[in-house]
C-alpha atoms as a PDB file:
ATOM      1  CA  MET A   1      17.920  -1.257  -9.720  1.00  0.00           C
ATOM      2  CA  ASP A   2      16.107   1.979 -10.475  1.00  0.00           C
ATOM      3  CA  LEU A   3      14.133   3.908  -7.860  1.00  0.00           C
ATOM      4  CA  THR A   4      10.693   3.087  -9.299  1.00  0.00           C
ATOM      5  CA  LYS A   5      11.477  -0.645  -9.347  1.00  0.00           C
ATOM      6  CA  THR A   6      12.786  -0.435  -5.784  1.00  0.00           C
ATOM      7  CA  ARG A   7       9.642   1.357  -4.636  1.00  0.00           C
ATOM      8  CA  THR A   8       7.240  -0.986  -6.451  1.00  0.00           C
ATOM      9  CA  THR A   9       9.000  -3.966  -4.867  1.00  0.00           C
ATOM     10  CA  ALA A  10       8.714  -2.327  -1.429  1.00  0.00           C
ATOM     11  CA  ILE A  11       5.041  -1.404  -1.935  1.00  0.00           C
ATOM     12  CA  ARG A  12       4.216  -4.945  -3.082  1.00  0.00           C
ATOM     13  CA  LYS A  13       5.831  -6.321   0.078  1.00  0.00           C
ATOM     14  CA  ILE A  14       3.982  -3.848   2.334  1.00  0.00           C
ATOM     15  CA  LEU A  15       0.622  -4.556   0.714  1.00  0.00           C
ATOM     16  CA  HIS A  16       1.137  -8.309   0.896  1.00  0.00           C
ATOM     17  CA  GLN A  17       2.680  -8.610   4.352  1.00  0.00           C
ATOM     18  CA  ASP A  18       1.182  -5.686   6.257  1.00  0.00           C
ATOM     19  CA  TRP A  19      -2.015  -4.456   4.573  1.00  0.00           C
ATOM     20  CA  ASP A  20      -3.399  -7.869   3.449  1.00  0.00           C
ATOM     21  CA  PRO A  21      -7.162  -7.281   3.818  1.00  0.00           C
ATOM     22  CA  ILE A  22      -7.994 -10.835   2.724  1.00  0.00           C
ATOM     23  CA  GLY A  23      -5.569 -12.286   5.250  1.00  0.00           C
ATOM     24  CA  CYS A  24      -5.534 -15.912   4.205  1.00  0.00           C
ATOM     25  CA  GLY A  25      -2.195 -16.627   2.580  1.00  0.00           C
ATOM     26  CA  VAL A  26      -2.840 -14.981  -0.781  1.00  0.00           C
ATOM     27  CA  PRO A  27      -0.214 -15.054  -3.558  1.00  0.00           C
ATOM     28  CA  GLU A  28       2.436 -12.309  -3.448  1.00  0.00           C
ATOM     29  CA  ASP A  29       0.927 -10.605  -6.492  1.00  0.00           C
ATOM     30  CA  GLU A  30      -2.641 -10.601  -5.132  1.00  0.00           C
ATOM     31  CA  TYR A  31      -2.650  -6.854  -4.449  1.00  0.00           C
ATOM     32  CA  ASP A  32      -0.661  -5.734  -7.495  1.00  0.00           C
ATOM     33  CA  SER A  33      -3.664  -3.898  -8.949  1.00  0.00           C
ATOM     34  CA  TYR A  34      -3.498  -1.590  -5.909  1.00  0.00           C
ATOM     35  CA  LEU A  35       0.275  -1.126  -6.107  1.00  0.00           C
ATOM     36  CA  TRP A  36       0.273   1.330  -9.030  1.00  0.00           C
ATOM     37  CA  PRO A  37      -2.366   3.695  -7.598  1.00  0.00           C
ATOM     38  CA  VAL A  38      -0.459   3.718  -4.288  1.00  0.00           C
ATOM     39  CA  LEU A  39       2.798   4.449  -6.113  1.00  0.00           C
ATOM     40  CA  ARG A  40       1.122   7.295  -8.018  1.00  0.00           C
ATOM     41  CA  LEU A  41      -0.267   8.782  -4.790  1.00  0.00           C
ATOM     42  CA  LEU A  42       3.190   8.673  -3.219  1.00  0.00           C
ATOM     43  CA  GLN A  43       4.885  10.144  -6.283  1.00  0.00           C
ATOM     44  CA  ASP A  44       2.294  12.924  -6.440  1.00  0.00           C
ATOM     45  CA  GLY A  45       2.907  13.812  -2.794  1.00  0.00           C
ATOM     46  CA  ALA A  46      -0.633  12.938  -1.722  1.00  0.00           C
ATOM     47  CA  PRO A  47      -1.288  13.444   1.979  1.00  0.00           C
ATOM     48  CA  ARG A  48      -1.238  10.439   4.293  1.00  0.00           C
ATOM     49  CA  GLU A  49      -5.022  10.555   4.673  1.00  0.00           C
ATOM     50  CA  ALA A  50      -5.515  10.330   0.884  1.00  0.00           C
ATOM     51  CA  VAL A  51      -3.458   7.136   0.797  1.00  0.00           C
ATOM     52  CA  ALA A  52      -5.401   5.829   3.806  1.00  0.00           C
ATOM     53  CA  ASP A  53      -8.708   6.629   2.095  1.00  0.00           C
ATOM     54  CA  TYR A  54      -7.611   4.813  -1.052  1.00  0.00           C
ATOM     55  CA  LEU A  55      -6.572   1.695   0.884  1.00  0.00           C
ATOM     56  CA  ARG A  56      -9.753   1.708   3.003  1.00  0.00           C
ATOM     57  CA  THR A  57     -11.931   2.051  -0.092  1.00  0.00           C
ATOM     58  CA  ALA A  58      -9.997  -0.626  -1.984  1.00  0.00           C
ATOM     59  CA  ALA A  59     -10.401  -3.082   0.883  1.00  0.00           C
ATOM     60  CA  THR A  60     -14.079  -2.422   1.531  1.00  0.00           C
ATOM     61  CA  ASP A  61     -15.341  -1.906  -2.019  1.00  0.00           C
ATOM     62  CA  SER A  62     -13.218  -4.430  -3.910  1.00  0.00           C
ATOM     63  CA  MET A  63     -12.767  -7.137  -1.299  1.00  0.00           C
ATOM     64  CA  SER A  64     -15.591  -6.542   1.191  1.00  0.00           C
ATOM     65  CA  CYS A  65     -12.941  -6.554   3.938  1.00  0.00           C
ATOM     66  CA  THR A  66     -11.827  -4.040   6.491  1.00  0.00           C
ATOM     67  CA  VAL A  67      -8.335  -3.355   7.734  1.00  0.00           C
ATOM     68  CA  PRO A  68      -8.020  -2.488  11.426  1.00  0.00           C
ATOM     69  CA  GLU A  69      -6.953   1.143  11.862  1.00  0.00           C
ATOM     70  CA  GLN A  70      -3.874   0.168  13.889  1.00  0.00           C
ATOM     71  CA  ARG A  71      -2.669  -2.077  11.064  1.00  0.00           C
ATOM     72  CA  LEU A  72      -3.518   0.572   8.464  1.00  0.00           C
ATOM     73  CA  SER A  73      -1.485   3.098  10.444  1.00  0.00           C
ATOM     74  CA  LEU A  74       1.561   0.792  10.337  1.00  0.00           C
ATOM     75  CA  VAL A  75       1.108   0.358   6.573  1.00  0.00           C
ATOM     76  CA  LEU A  76       0.897   4.119   6.116  1.00  0.00           C
ATOM     77  CA  ASP A  77       4.039   4.668   8.203  1.00  0.00           C
ATOM     78  CA  LYS A  78       5.933   2.315   5.908  1.00  0.00           C
ATOM     79  CA  LEU A  79       4.478   3.779   2.707  1.00  0.00           C
ATOM     80  CA  MET A  80       5.173   7.363   3.754  1.00  0.00           C
ATOM     81  CA  ALA A  81       8.786   6.390   4.533  1.00  0.00           C
ATOM     82  CA  LEU A  82       9.193   5.321   0.893  1.00  0.00           C
ATOM     83  CA  ARG A  83       8.679   8.916  -0.223  1.00  0.00           C
ATOM     84  CA  THR A  84      12.043   9.996   1.042  1.00  0.00           C
ATOM     85  CA  ALA A  85      13.904   6.715   0.666  1.00  0.00           C
ATOM     86  CA  GLY A  86      16.440   6.993  -2.102  1.00  0.00           C
ATOM     87  CA  SER A  87      15.527  10.542  -3.114  1.00  0.00           C
END
């Protein structure tokens, strides 16, 4: 499996299991439209806060939901770890 496929699979899992702004048993692909921008941010070396801002904005503007900062921090820890995984 190539690195991009591995990372997209990992990001999908993180967004679905950990970020999950809707929080009511959504399908696994529910947040796929946010996966690619997150992948691009990670590939471009965007700072942690830029990824956090994107996820906050996506949750509030697109879904009218908020993600608790503690949960967002866990999501960011996992996403930032993907930067170095497999490189």
